[in-house]
Full PDB file with SEQRES, HELIX, SHEET, SSBOND, CRYST1, ORIGX, SCALE, CONECT and MASTER records, all heavy atoms in Angstrom:
SEQRES   1 A   42  LEU CYS GLU GLU TYR LEU THR VAL TYR GLY CYS ALA LYS          
SEQRES   2 A   42  GLU ASP SER TYR ILE ASN GLN PHE VAL ASP LEU PHE TRP          
SEQRES   3 A   42  SER ASP LEU LEU GLU GLU HIS GLU ALA ILE ASP TRP SER          
SEQRES   4 A   42  GLU GLU SER                                                  
HELIX    1 AA1 TYR A   17  PHE A   25  1                                   9    
HELIX    2 AA2 LEU A   30  GLU A   34  1                                   5    
SSBOND   1 CYS A    2    CYS A   11                          1555   1555  2.08  
CRYST1    1.000    1.000    1.000  90.00  90.00  90.00 P 1           1          
ORIGX1      1.000000  0.000000  0.000000        0.00000                         
ORIGX2      0.000000  1.000000  0.000000        0.00000                         
ORIGX3      0.000000  0.000000  1.000000        0.00000                         
SCALE1      1.000000  0.000000  0.000000        0.00000                         
SCALE2      0.000000  1.000000  0.000000        0.00000                         
SCALE3      0.000000  0.000000  1.000000        0.00000                         
ATOM      1  N   LEU A   1      19.628  78.643 124.628  1.00  0.00           N  
ATOM      2  CA  LEU A   1      19.080  79.903 124.134  1.00  0.00           C  
ATOM      3  C   LEU A   1      19.824  81.111 124.708  1.00  0.00           C  
ATOM      4  O   LEU A   1      19.725  82.215 124.168  1.00  0.00           O  
ATOM      5  CB  LEU A   1      17.598  80.004 124.487  1.00  0.00           C  
ATOM      6  CG  LEU A   1      16.665  78.999 123.783  1.00  0.00           C  
ATOM      7  CD1 LEU A   1      15.249  79.139 124.316  1.00  0.00           C  
ATOM      8  CD2 LEU A   1      16.695  79.209 122.280  1.00  0.00           C  
ATOM      9  N   CYS A   2      20.539  80.899 125.799  1.00  0.00           N  
ATOM     10  CA  CYS A   2      21.306  81.987 126.408  1.00  0.00           C  
ATOM     11  C   CYS A   2      22.702  82.017 125.791  1.00  0.00           C  
ATOM     12  O   CYS A   2      23.479  81.069 125.945  1.00  0.00           O  
ATOM     13  CB  CYS A   2      21.413  81.800 127.920  1.00  0.00           C  
ATOM     14  SG  CYS A   2      22.383  83.083 128.741  1.00  0.00           S  
ATOM     15  N   GLU A   3      23.030  83.108 125.125  1.00  0.00           N  
ATOM     16  CA  GLU A   3      24.323  83.229 124.463  1.00  0.00           C  
ATOM     17  C   GLU A   3      25.385  83.837 125.376  1.00  0.00           C  
ATOM     18  O   GLU A   3      26.559  83.883 125.015  1.00  0.00           O  
ATOM     19  CB  GLU A   3      24.183  84.073 123.197  1.00  0.00           C  
ATOM     20  CG  GLU A   3      23.259  83.440 122.151  1.00  0.00           C  
ATOM     21  CD  GLU A   3      23.145  84.282 120.898  1.00  0.00           C  
ATOM     22  OE1 GLU A   3      23.743  85.383 120.878  1.00  0.00           O  
ATOM     23  OE2 GLU A   3      22.470  83.843 119.954  1.00  0.00           O  
ATOM     24  N   GLU A   4      24.958  84.319 126.549  1.00  0.00           N  
ATOM     25  CA  GLU A   4      25.902  84.881 127.518  1.00  0.00           C  
ATOM     26  C   GLU A   4      25.938  83.960 128.732  1.00  0.00           C  
ATOM     27  O   GLU A   4      25.534  82.805 128.644  1.00  0.00           O  
ATOM     28  CB  GLU A   4      25.477  86.311 127.896  1.00  0.00           C  
ATOM     29  CG  GLU A   4      25.192  87.218 126.707  1.00  0.00           C  
ATOM     30  CD  GLU A   4      26.390  87.408 125.785  1.00  0.00           C  
ATOM     31  OE1 GLU A   4      27.539  87.249 126.249  1.00  0.00           O  
ATOM     32  OE2 GLU A   4      26.179  87.738 124.596  1.00  0.00           O  
ATOM     33  N   TYR A   5      26.386  84.465 129.873  1.00  0.00           N  
ATOM     34  CA  TYR A   5      26.432  83.625 131.070  1.00  0.00           C  
ATOM     35  C   TYR A   5      25.015  83.379 131.593  1.00  0.00           C  
ATOM     36  O   TYR A   5      24.227  84.311 131.775  1.00  0.00           O  
ATOM     37  CB  TYR A   5      27.282  84.283 132.157  1.00  0.00           C  
ATOM     38  CG  TYR A   5      27.258  83.519 133.455  1.00  0.00           C  
ATOM     39  CD1 TYR A   5      27.748  82.220 133.523  1.00  0.00           C  
ATOM     40  CD2 TYR A   5      26.721  84.083 134.615  1.00  0.00           C  
ATOM     41  CE1 TYR A   5      27.714  81.501 134.711  1.00  0.00           C  
ATOM     42  CE2 TYR A   5      26.693  83.379 135.813  1.00  0.00           C  
ATOM     43  CZ  TYR A   5      27.179  82.084 135.843  1.00  0.00           C  
ATOM     44  OH  TYR A   5      27.147  81.362 137.018  1.00  0.00           O  
ATOM     45  N   LEU A   6      24.695  82.121 131.855  1.00  0.00           N  
ATOM     46  CA  LEU A   6      23.379  81.756 132.360  1.00  0.00           C  
ATOM     47  C   LEU A   6      23.422  81.709 133.879  1.00  0.00           C  
ATOM     48  O   LEU A   6      23.980  80.797 134.479  1.00  0.00           O  
ATOM     49  CB  LEU A   6      22.945  80.400 131.799  1.00  0.00           C  
ATOM     50  CG  LEU A   6      21.544  79.922 132.191  1.00  0.00           C  
ATOM     51  CD1 LEU A   6      20.485  80.922 131.734  1.00  0.00           C  
ATOM     52  CD2 LEU A   6      21.273  78.535 131.615  1.00  0.00           C  
ATOM     53  N   THR A   7      22.830  82.716 134.513  1.00  0.00           N  
ATOM     54  CA  THR A   7      22.781  82.768 135.973  1.00  0.00           C  
ATOM     55  C   THR A   7      21.623  81.918 136.473  1.00  0.00           C  
ATOM     56  O   THR A   7      20.828  81.396 135.701  1.00  0.00           O  
ATOM     57  CB  THR A   7      22.580  84.218 136.467  1.00  0.00           C  
ATOM     58  OG1 THR A   7      21.218  84.608 136.232  1.00  0.00           O  
ATOM     59  CG2 THR A   7      23.518  85.178 135.742  1.00  0.00           C  
ATOM     60  N   VAL A   8      21.499  81.845 137.788  1.00  0.00           N  
ATOM     61  CA  VAL A   8      20.381  81.095 138.365  1.00  0.00           C  
ATOM     62  C   VAL A   8      19.053  81.799 138.124  1.00  0.00           C  
ATOM     63  O   VAL A   8      17.997  81.188 138.241  1.00  0.00           O  
ATOM     64  CB  VAL A   8      20.599  80.882 139.866  1.00  0.00           C  
ATOM     65  CG1 VAL A   8      21.781  79.985 140.116  1.00  0.00           C  
ATOM     66  CG2 VAL A   8      20.771  82.201 140.572  1.00  0.00           C  
ATOM     67  N   TYR A   9      19.077  83.098 137.818  1.00  0.00           N  
ATOM     68  CA  TYR A   9      17.844  83.830 137.564  1.00  0.00           C  
ATOM     69  C   TYR A   9      17.463  83.837 136.106  1.00  0.00           C  
ATOM     70  O   TYR A   9      16.300  84.012 135.760  1.00  0.00           O  
ATOM     71  CB  TYR A   9      18.002  85.277 138.012  1.00  0.00           C  
ATOM     72  CG  TYR A   9      17.947  85.478 139.503  1.00  0.00           C  
ATOM     73  CD1 TYR A   9      18.463  86.636 140.066  1.00  0.00           C  
ATOM     74  CD2 TYR A   9      17.394  84.534 140.341  1.00  0.00           C  
ATOM     75  CE1 TYR A   9      18.420  86.840 141.433  1.00  0.00           C  
ATOM     76  CE2 TYR A   9      17.348  84.738 141.701  1.00  0.00           C  
ATOM     77  CZ  TYR A   9      17.851  85.886 142.247  1.00  0.00           C  
ATOM     78  OH  TYR A   9      17.809  86.100 143.596  1.00  0.00           O  
ATOM     79  N   GLY A  10      18.434  83.725 135.247  1.00  0.00           N  
ATOM     80  CA  GLY A  10      18.172  83.825 133.827  1.00  0.00           C  
ATOM     81  C   GLY A  10      19.446  84.187 133.084  1.00  0.00           C  
ATOM     82  O   GLY A  10      20.551  84.049 133.606  1.00  0.00           O  
ATOM     83  N   CYS A  11      19.294  84.668 131.879  1.00  0.00           N  
ATOM     84  CA  CYS A  11      20.436  84.930 131.008  1.00  0.00           C  
ATOM     85  C   CYS A  11      20.994  86.336 131.251  1.00  0.00           C  
ATOM     86  O   CYS A  11      20.263  87.324 131.175  1.00  0.00           O  
ATOM     87  CB  CYS A  11      20.008  84.789 129.550  1.00  0.00           C  
ATOM     88  SG  CYS A  11      21.370  84.865 128.378  1.00  0.00           S  
ATOM     89  N   ALA A  12      22.284  86.410 131.551  1.00  0.00           N  
ATOM     90  CA  ALA A  12      22.915  87.708 131.770  1.00  0.00           C  
ATOM     91  C   ALA A  12      22.925  88.513 130.475  1.00  0.00           C  
ATOM     92  O   ALA A  12      23.184  87.977 129.396  1.00  0.00           O  
ATOM     93  CB  ALA A  12      24.341  87.516 132.273  1.00  0.00           C  
ATOM     94  N   LYS A  13      22.616  89.787 130.577  1.00  0.00           N  
ATOM     95  CA  LYS A  13      22.690  90.661 129.414  1.00  0.00           C  
ATOM     96  C   LYS A  13      24.155  90.909 129.058  1.00  0.00           C  
ATOM     97  O   LYS A  13      25.031  90.884 129.923  1.00  0.00           O  
ATOM     98  CB  LYS A  13      21.944  91.965 129.697  1.00  0.00           C  
ATOM     99  CG  LYS A  13      20.451  91.732 129.943  1.00  0.00           C  
ATOM    100  CD  LYS A  13      19.700  93.004 130.256  1.00  0.00           C  
ATOM    101  CE  LYS A  13      18.223  92.706 130.525  1.00  0.00           C  
ATOM    102  NZ  LYS A  13      17.440  93.920 130.868  1.00  0.00           N  
ATOM    103  N   GLU A  14      24.404  91.161 127.783  1.00  0.00           N  
ATOM    104  CA  GLU A  14      25.782  91.190 127.289  1.00  0.00           C  
ATOM    105  C   GLU A  14      26.672  92.158 128.064  1.00  0.00           C  
ATOM    106  O   GLU A  14      27.813  91.837 128.396  1.00  0.00           O  
ATOM    107  CB  GLU A  14      25.785  91.554 125.805  1.00  0.00           C  
ATOM    108  CG  GLU A  14      27.171  91.539 125.181  1.00  0.00           C  
ATOM    109  CD  GLU A  14      27.144  91.836 123.699  1.00  0.00           C  
ATOM    110  OE1 GLU A  14      26.040  92.129 123.159  1.00  0.00           O  
ATOM    111  OE2 GLU A  14      28.211  91.789 123.060  1.00  0.00           O  
ATOM    112  N   ASP A  15      26.165  93.336 128.369  1.00  0.00           N  
ATOM    113  CA  ASP A  15      26.968  94.356 129.034  1.00  0.00           C  
ATOM    114  C   ASP A  15      26.763  94.383 130.545  1.00  0.00           C  
ATOM    115  O   ASP A  15      27.200  95.331 131.212  1.00  0.00           O  
ATOM    116  CB  ASP A  15      26.640  95.737 128.458  1.00  0.00           C  
ATOM    117  CG  ASP A  15      27.072  95.862 127.003  1.00  0.00           C  
ATOM    118  OD1 ASP A  15      28.046  95.189 126.619  1.00  0.00           O  
ATOM    119  OD2 ASP A  15      26.428  96.631 126.257  1.00  0.00           O  
ATOM    120  N   SER A  16      26.116  93.377 131.087  1.00  0.00           N  
ATOM    121  CA  SER A  16      25.873  93.338 132.528  1.00  0.00           C  
ATOM    122  C   SER A  16      27.182  93.166 133.284  1.00  0.00           C  
ATOM    123  O   SER A  16      28.173  92.651 132.756  1.00  0.00           O  
ATOM    124  CB  SER A  16      24.919  92.200 132.886  1.00  0.00           C  
ATOM    125  OG  SER A  16      25.501  90.941 132.578  1.00  0.00           O  
ATOM    126  N   TYR A  17      27.177  93.591 134.542  1.00  0.00           N  
ATOM    127  CA  TYR A  17      28.373  93.438 135.374  1.00  0.00           C  
ATOM    128  C   TYR A  17      28.803  91.978 135.446  1.00  0.00           C  
ATOM    129  O   TYR A  17      29.980  91.645 135.273  1.00  0.00           O  
ATOM    130  CB  TYR A  17      28.113  93.958 136.792  1.00  0.00           C  
ATOM    131  CG  TYR A  17      27.783  95.422 136.898  1.00  0.00           C  
ATOM    132  CD1 TYR A  17      26.632  95.846 137.563  1.00  0.00           C  
ATOM    133  CD2 TYR A  17      28.618  96.399 136.350  1.00  0.00           C  
ATOM    134  CE1 TYR A  17      26.320  97.194 137.683  1.00  0.00           C  
ATOM    135  CE2 TYR A  17      28.314  97.746 136.460  1.00  0.00           C  
ATOM    136  CZ  TYR A  17      27.167  98.141 137.128  1.00  0.00           C  
ATOM    137  OH  TYR A  17      26.855  99.479 137.234  1.00  0.00           O  
ATOM    138  N   ILE A  18      27.843  91.091 135.701  1.00  0.00           N  
ATOM    139  CA  ILE A  18      28.214  89.696 135.922  1.00  0.00           C  
ATOM    140  C   ILE A  18      28.697  89.027 134.635  1.00  0.00           C  
ATOM    141  O   ILE A  18      29.596  88.181 134.667  1.00  0.00           O  
ATOM    142  CB  ILE A  18      27.062  88.895 136.573  1.00  0.00           C  
ATOM    143  CG1 ILE A  18      27.595  87.571 137.122  1.00  0.00           C  
ATOM    144  CG2 ILE A  18      25.904  88.676 135.596  1.00  0.00           C  
ATOM    145  CD1 ILE A  18      26.637  86.857 138.040  1.00  0.00           C  
ATOM    146  N   ASN A  19      28.148  89.407 133.500  1.00  0.00           N  
ATOM    147  CA  ASN A  19      28.595  88.810 132.248  1.00  0.00           C  
ATOM    148  C   ASN A  19      30.049  89.208 131.944  1.00  0.00           C  
ATOM    149  O   ASN A  19      30.870  88.377 131.546  1.00  0.00           O  
ATOM    150  CB  ASN A  19      27.690  89.223 131.097  1.00  0.00           C  
ATOM    151  CG  ASN A  19      27.836  88.312 129.896  1.00  0.00           C  
ATOM    152  OD1 ASN A  19      27.636  87.096 129.993  1.00  0.00           O  
ATOM    153  ND2 ASN A  19      28.210  88.869 128.757  1.00  0.00           N  
ATOM    154  N   GLN A  20      30.359  90.473 132.161  1.00  0.00           N  
ATOM    155  CA  GLN A  20      31.734  90.921 131.960  1.00  0.00           C  
ATOM    156  C   GLN A  20      32.675  90.261 132.967  1.00  0.00           C  
ATOM    157  O   GLN A  20      33.811  89.899 132.632  1.00  0.00           O  
ATOM    158  CB  GLN A  20      31.805  92.445 132.092  1.00  0.00           C  
ATOM    159  CG  GLN A  20      31.016  93.195 131.026  1.00  0.00           C  
ATOM    160  CD  GLN A  20      31.103  94.696 131.215  1.00  0.00           C  
ATOM    161  OE1 GLN A  20      32.183  95.289 131.106  1.00  0.00           O  
ATOM    162  NE2 GLN A  20      29.971  95.326 131.502  1.00  0.00           N  
ATOM    163  N   PHE A  21      32.219  90.122 134.195  1.00  0.00           N  
ATOM    164  CA  PHE A  21      33.007  89.508 135.259  1.00  0.00           C  
ATOM    165  C   PHE A  21      33.324  88.051 134.923  1.00  0.00           C  
ATOM    166  O   PHE A  21      34.470  87.600 135.049  1.00  0.00           O  
ATOM    167  CB  PHE A  21      32.215  89.604 136.568  1.00  0.00           C  
ATOM    168  CG  PHE A  21      32.944  89.147 137.799  1.00  0.00           C  
ATOM    169  CD1 PHE A  21      33.709  90.037 138.531  1.00  0.00           C  
ATOM    170  CD2 PHE A  21      32.823  87.835 138.248  1.00  0.00           C  
ATOM    171  CE1 PHE A  21      34.360  89.621 139.694  1.00  0.00           C  
ATOM    172  CE2 PHE A  21      33.472  87.413 139.401  1.00  0.00           C  
ATOM    173  CZ  PHE A  21      34.241  88.306 140.130  1.00  0.00           C  
ATOM    174  N   VAL A  22      32.311  87.312 134.489  1.00  0.00           N  
ATOM    175  CA  VAL A  22      32.509  85.896 134.152  1.00  0.00           C  
ATOM    176  C   VAL A  22      33.445  85.752 132.947  1.00  0.00           C  
ATOM    177  O   VAL A  22      34.317  84.870 132.928  1.00  0.00           O  
ATOM    178  CB  VAL A  22      31.157  85.213 133.890  1.00  0.00           C  
ATOM    179  CG1 VAL A  22      31.346  83.820 133.298  1.00  0.00           C  
ATOM    180  CG2 VAL A  22      30.348  85.125 135.182  1.00  0.00           C  
ATOM    181  N   ASP A  23      33.283  86.608 131.949  1.00  0.00           N  
ATOM    182  CA  ASP A  23      34.171  86.559 130.787  1.00  0.00           C  
ATOM    183  C   ASP A  23      35.631  86.731 131.191  1.00  0.00           C  
ATOM    184  O   ASP A  23      36.528  86.059 130.660  1.00  0.00           O  
ATOM    185  CB  ASP A  23      33.799  87.655 129.783  1.00  0.00           C  
ATOM    186  CG  ASP A  23      32.575  87.294 128.954  1.00  0.00           C  
ATOM    187  OD1 ASP A  23      32.163  86.120 128.978  1.00  0.00           O  
ATOM    188  OD2 ASP A  23      32.034  88.197 128.282  1.00  0.00           O  
ATOM    189  N   LEU A  24      35.870  87.605 132.149  1.00  0.00           N  
ATOM    190  CA  LEU A  24      37.240  87.894 132.563  1.00  0.00           C  
ATOM    191  C   LEU A  24      37.826  86.834 133.486  1.00  0.00           C  
ATOM    192  O   LEU A  24      39.007  86.493 133.373  1.00  0.00           O  
ATOM    193  CB  LEU A  24      37.298  89.255 133.265  1.00  0.00           C  
ATOM    194  CG  LEU A  24      37.201  90.502 132.386  1.00  0.00           C  
ATOM    195  CD1 LEU A  24      37.036  91.747 133.248  1.00  0.00           C  
ATOM    196  CD2 LEU A  24      38.450  90.620 131.519  1.00  0.00           C  
ATOM    197  N   PHE A  25      37.001  86.314 134.406  1.00  0.00           N  
ATOM    198  CA  PHE A  25      37.565  85.524 135.501  1.00  0.00           C  
ATOM    199  C   PHE A  25      37.099  84.070 135.582  1.00  0.00           C  
ATOM    200  O   PHE A  25      37.648  83.301 136.367  1.00  0.00           O  
ATOM    201  CB  PHE A  25      37.258  86.216 136.840  1.00  0.00           C  
ATOM    202  CG  PHE A  25      37.753  87.627 136.913  1.00  0.00           C  
ATOM    203  CD1 PHE A  25      36.867  88.694 136.999  1.00  0.00           C  
ATOM    204  CD2 PHE A  25      39.110  87.901 136.881  1.00  0.00           C  
ATOM    205  CE1 PHE A  25      37.326  90.000 137.078  1.00  0.00           C  
ATOM    206  CE2 PHE A  25      39.584  89.205 136.959  1.00  0.00           C  
ATOM    207  CZ  PHE A  25      38.692  90.254 137.052  1.00  0.00           C  
ATOM    208  N   TRP A  26      36.105  83.685 134.790  1.00  0.00           N  
ATOM    209  CA  TRP A  26      35.573  82.330 134.905  1.00  0.00           C  
ATOM    210  C   TRP A  26      35.574  81.551 133.590  1.00  0.00           C  
ATOM    211  O   TRP A  26      35.206  80.374 133.584  1.00  0.00           O  
ATOM    212  CB  TRP A  26      34.143  82.373 135.453  1.00  0.00           C  
ATOM    213  CG  TRP A  26      34.091  82.527 136.937  1.00  0.00           C  
ATOM    214  CD1 TRP A  26      34.167  83.683 137.655  1.00  0.00           C  
ATOM    215  CD2 TRP A  26      33.954  81.468 137.901  1.00  0.00           C  
ATOM    216  NE1 TRP A  26      34.083  83.426 139.004  1.00  0.00           N  
ATOM    217  CE2 TRP A  26      33.952  82.072 139.185  1.00  0.00           C  
ATOM    218  CE3 TRP A  26      33.823  80.084 137.809  1.00  0.00           C  
ATOM    219  CZ2 TRP A  26      33.829  81.334 140.356  1.00  0.00           C  
ATOM    220  CZ3 TRP A  26      33.696  79.344 138.976  1.00  0.00           C  
ATOM    221  CH2 TRP A  26      33.701  79.969 140.231  1.00  0.00           C  
ATOM    222  N   SER A  27      35.972  82.151 132.517  1.00  0.00           N  
ATOM    223  CA  SER A  27      35.881  81.464 131.220  1.00  0.00           C  
ATOM    224  C   SER A  27      36.686  80.170 131.192  1.00  0.00           C  
ATOM    225  O   SER A  27      36.297  79.201 130.528  1.00  0.00           O  
ATOM    226  CB  SER A  27      36.341  82.391 130.093  1.00  0.00           C  
ATOM    227  OG  SER A  27      37.664  82.845 130.309  1.00  0.00           O  
ATOM    228  N   ASP A  28      37.791  80.107 131.941  1.00  0.00           N  
ATOM    229  CA  ASP A  28      38.622  78.904 131.971  1.00  0.00           C  
ATOM    230  C   ASP A  28      38.266  77.969 133.122  1.00  0.00           C  
ATOM    231  O   ASP A  28      38.866  76.899 133.256  1.00  0.00           O  
ATOM    232  CB  ASP A  28      40.106  79.284 132.079  1.00  0.00           C  
ATOM    233  CG  ASP A  28      40.603  80.055 130.869  1.00  0.00           C  
ATOM    234  OD1 ASP A  28      40.030  79.863 129.778  1.00  0.00           O  
ATOM    235  OD2 ASP A  28      41.553  80.856 131.024  1.00  0.00           O  
ATOM    236  N   LEU A  29      37.297  78.378 133.955  1.00  0.00           N  
ATOM    237  CA  LEU A  29      36.970  77.600 135.153  1.00  0.00           C  
ATOM    238  C   LEU A  29      35.600  76.939 135.095  1.00  0.00           C  
ATOM    239  O   LEU A  29      35.344  75.978 135.822  1.00  0.00           O  
ATOM    240  CB  LEU A  29      37.020  78.503 136.399  1.00  0.00           C  
ATOM    241  CG  LEU A  29      38.335  79.211 136.715  1.00  0.00           C  
ATOM    242  CD1 LEU A  29      38.168  80.061 137.970  1.00  0.00           C  
ATOM    243  CD2 LEU A  29      39.462  78.216 136.897  1.00  0.00           C  
ATOM    244  N   LEU A  30      34.706  77.453 134.257  1.00  0.00           N  
ATOM    245  CA  LEU A  30      33.316  77.006 134.298  1.00  0.00           C  
ATOM    246  C   LEU A  30      33.150  75.520 134.047  1.00  0.00           C  
ATOM    247  O   LEU A  30      32.387  74.838 134.738  1.00  0.00           O  
ATOM    248  CB  LEU A  30      32.473  77.806 133.297  1.00  0.00           C  
ATOM    249  CG  LEU A  30      32.083  79.217 133.710  1.00  0.00           C  
ATOM    250  CD1 LEU A  30      31.353  79.924 132.575  1.00  0.00           C  
ATOM    251  CD2 LEU A  30      31.211  79.194 134.960  1.00  0.00           C  
ATOM    252  N   GLU A  31      33.840  74.997 133.058  1.00  0.00           N  
ATOM    253  CA  GLU A  31      33.670  73.581 132.721  1.00  0.00           C  
ATOM    254  C   GLU A  31      34.070  72.691 133.893  1.00  0.00           C  
ATOM    255  O   GLU A  31      33.351  71.751 134.256  1.00  0.00           O  
ATOM    256  CB  GLU A  31      34.493  73.234 131.484  1.00  0.00           C  
ATOM    257  CG  GLU A  31      34.268  71.798 131.012  1.00  0.00           C  
ATOM    258  CD  GLU A  31      34.989  71.500 129.701  1.00  0.00           C  
ATOM    259  OE1 GLU A  31      35.535  72.449 129.088  1.00  0.00           O  
ATOM    260  OE2 GLU A  31      35.000  70.324 129.294  1.00  0.00           O  
ATOM    261  N   GLU A  32      35.200  72.990 134.509  1.00  0.00           N  
ATOM    262  CA  GLU A  32      35.642  72.205 135.665  1.00  0.00           C  
ATOM    263  C   GLU A  32      34.698  72.408 136.843  1.00  0.00           C  
ATOM    264  O   GLU A  32      34.362  71.458 137.564  1.00  0.00           O  
ATOM    265  CB  GLU A  32      37.062  72.620 136.053  1.00  0.00           C  
ATOM    266  CG  GLU A  32      37.617  71.858 137.254  1.00  0.00           C  
ATOM    267  CD  GLU A  32      39.016  72.328 137.637  1.00  0.00           C  
ATOM    268  OE1 GLU A  32      39.532  73.279 136.986  1.00  0.00           O  
ATOM    269  OE2 GLU A  32      39.569  71.755 138.584  1.00  0.00           O  
ATOM    270  N   HIS A  33      34.241  73.641 137.040  1.00  0.00           N  
ATOM    271  CA  HIS A  33      33.355  73.945 138.162  1.00  0.00           C  
ATOM    272  C   HIS A  33      32.022  73.214 138.025  1.00  0.00           C  
ATOM    273  O   HIS A  33      31.466  72.716 139.010  1.00  0.00           O  
ATOM    274  CB  HIS A  33      33.134  75.456 138.227  1.00  0.00           C  
ATOM    275  CG  HIS A  33      32.264  75.906 139.349  1.00  0.00           C  
ATOM    276  ND1 HIS A  33      30.908  76.057 139.213  1.00  0.00           N  
ATOM    277  CD2 HIS A  33      32.550  76.231 140.635  1.00  0.00           C  
ATOM    278  CE1 HIS A  33      30.389  76.461 140.356  1.00  0.00           C  
ATOM    279  NE2 HIS A  33      31.355  76.583 141.233  1.00  0.00           N  
ATOM    280  N   GLU A  34      31.482  73.160 136.822  1.00  0.00           N  
ATOM    281  CA  GLU A  34      30.187  72.514 136.608  1.00  0.00           C  
ATOM    282  C   GLU A  34      30.225  71.013 136.852  1.00  0.00           C  
ATOM    283  O   GLU A  34      29.190  70.391 137.072  1.00  0.00           O  
ATOM    284  CB  GLU A  34      29.709  72.804 135.183  1.00  0.00           C  
ATOM    285  CG  GLU A  34      29.294  74.261 134.974  1.00  0.00           C  
ATOM    286  CD  GLU A  34      29.056  74.603 133.522  1.00  0.00           C  
ATOM    287  OE1 GLU A  34      29.271  73.709 132.662  1.00  0.00           O  
ATOM    288  OE2 GLU A  34      28.666  75.751 133.228  1.00  0.00           O  
ATOM    289  N   ALA A  35      31.414  70.419 136.840  1.00  0.00           N  
ATOM    290  CA  ALA A  35      31.556  68.973 137.044  1.00  0.00           C  
ATOM    291  C   ALA A  35      31.738  68.602 138.515  1.00  0.00           C  
ATOM    292  O   ALA A  35      31.841  67.422 138.848  1.00  0.00           O  
ATOM    293  CB  ALA A  35      32.740  68.453 136.227  1.00  0.00           C  
ATOM    294  N   ILE A  36      31.738  69.586 139.416  1.00  0.00           N  
ATOM    295  CA  ILE A  36      31.994  69.321 140.832  1.00  0.00           C  
ATOM    296  C   ILE A  36      30.841  68.540 141.466  1.00  0.00           C  
ATOM    297  O   ILE A  36      29.672  68.850 141.260  1.00  0.00           O  
ATOM    298  CB  ILE A  36      32.211  70.636 141.603  1.00  0.00           C  
ATOM    299  CG1 ILE A  36      33.534  71.276 141.181  1.00  0.00           C  
ATOM    300  CG2 ILE A  36      32.201  70.407 143.112  1.00  0.00           C  
ATOM    301  CD1 ILE A  36      33.779  72.638 141.790  1.00  0.00           C  
ATOM    302  N   ASP A  37      31.191  67.521 142.222  1.00  0.00           N  
ATOM    303  CA  ASP A  37      30.244  66.800 143.067  1.00  0.00           C  
ATOM    304  C   ASP A  37      30.215  67.530 144.412  1.00  0.00           C  
ATOM    305  O   ASP A  37      31.222  67.556 145.129  1.00  0.00           O  
ATOM    306  CB  ASP A  37      30.701  65.351 143.245  1.00  0.00           C  
ATOM    307  CG  ASP A  37      29.842  64.568 144.231  1.00  0.00           C  
ATOM    308  OD1 ASP A  37      28.861  65.139 144.769  1.00  0.00           O  
ATOM    309  OD2 ASP A  37      30.163  63.384 144.476  1.00  0.00           O  
ATOM    310  N   TRP A  38      29.061  68.131 144.774  1.00  0.00           N  
ATOM    311  CA  TRP A  38      28.983  68.981 145.954  1.00  0.00           C  
ATOM    312  C   TRP A  38      28.591  68.219 147.220  1.00  0.00           C  
ATOM    313  O   TRP A  38      28.346  68.834 148.265  1.00  0.00           O  
ATOM    314  CB  TRP A  38      27.990  70.116 145.714  1.00  0.00           C  
ATOM    315  CG  TRP A  38      28.470  71.084 144.678  1.00  0.00           C  
ATOM    316  CD1 TRP A  38      28.157  71.097 143.347  1.00  0.00           C  
ATOM    317  CD2 TRP A  38      29.380  72.167 144.872  1.00  0.00           C  
ATOM    318  NE1 TRP A  38      28.806  72.117 142.706  1.00  0.00           N  
ATOM    319  CE2 TRP A  38      29.568  72.806 143.616  1.00  0.00           C  
ATOM    320  CE3 TRP A  38      30.061  72.669 145.984  1.00  0.00           C  
ATOM    321  CZ2 TRP A  38      30.400  73.907 143.452  1.00  0.00           C  
ATOM    322  CZ3 TRP A  38      30.887  73.776 145.816  1.00  0.00           C  
ATOM    323  CH2 TRP A  38      31.049  74.379 144.566  1.00  0.00           C  
ATOM    324  N   SER A  39      28.542  66.904 147.170  1.00  0.00           N  
ATOM    325  CA  SER A  39      28.168  66.133 148.358  1.00  0.00           C  
ATOM    326  C   SER A  39      29.251  66.242 149.428  1.00  0.00           C  
ATOM    327  O   SER A  39      30.419  66.546 149.143  1.00  0.00           O  
ATOM    328  CB  SER A  39      27.939  64.673 147.996  1.00  0.00           C  
ATOM    329  OG  SER A  39      29.145  64.066 147.565  1.00  0.00           O  
ATOM    330  N   GLU A  40      28.863  65.979 150.664  1.00  0.00           N  
ATOM    331  CA  GLU A  40      29.785  66.120 151.795  1.00  0.00           C  
ATOM    332  C   GLU A  40      30.976  65.176 151.682  1.00  0.00           C  
ATOM    333  O   GLU A  40      32.076  65.476 152.153  1.00  0.00           O  
ATOM    334  CB  GLU A  40      29.039  65.868 153.104  1.00  0.00           C  
ATOM    335  CG  GLU A  40      29.842  66.168 154.344  1.00  0.00           C  
ATOM    336  CD  GLU A  40      29.017  66.114 155.609  1.00  0.00           C  
ATOM    337  OE1 GLU A  40      27.849  65.667 155.546  1.00  0.00           O  
ATOM    338  OE2 GLU A  40      29.517  66.531 156.666  1.00  0.00           O  
ATOM    339  N   GLU A  41      30.769  64.030 151.060  1.00  0.00           N  
ATOM    340  CA  GLU A  41      31.832  63.029 150.966  1.00  0.00           C  
ATOM    341  C   GLU A  41      32.855  63.352 149.879  1.00  0.00           C  
ATOM    342  O   GLU A  41      33.957  62.792 149.862  1.00  0.00           O  
ATOM    343  CB  GLU A  41      31.230  61.649 150.670  1.00  0.00           C  
ATOM    344  CG  GLU A  41      30.280  61.130 151.742  1.00  0.00           C  
ATOM    345  CD  GLU A  41      28.901  61.789 151.675  1.00  0.00           C  
ATOM    346  OE1 GLU A  41      28.579  62.359 150.601  1.00  0.00           O  
ATOM    347  OE2 GLU A  41      28.179  61.766 152.693  1.00  0.00           O  
ATOM    348  N   SER A  42      32.506  64.254 148.988  1.00  0.00           N  
ATOM    349  CA  SER A  42      33.367  64.532 147.843  1.00  0.00           C  
ATOM    350  C   SER A  42      34.455  65.551 148.176  1.00  0.00           C  
ATOM    351  O   SER A  42      34.238  66.487 148.946  1.00  0.00           O  
ATOM    352  CB  SER A  42      32.519  65.062 146.682  1.00  0.00           C  
ATOM    353  OG  SER A  42      33.339  65.489 145.624  1.00  0.00           O  
TER     354      SER A  42                                                      
CONECT   14   88                                                                
CONECT   88   14                                                                
MASTER        0    0    0    2    0    0    0    6  353    1    2    4          
END                                                                             
């Protein structure tokens, strides 16, 4: 249901600082980042 960046609090508004920031600097990283195993052994 969130068409912009989904933060831990909720859906970023289109013109929000974080939505613009993610569009510029994370659009090519999110998919790889979301697949990270955060355990100590990884």
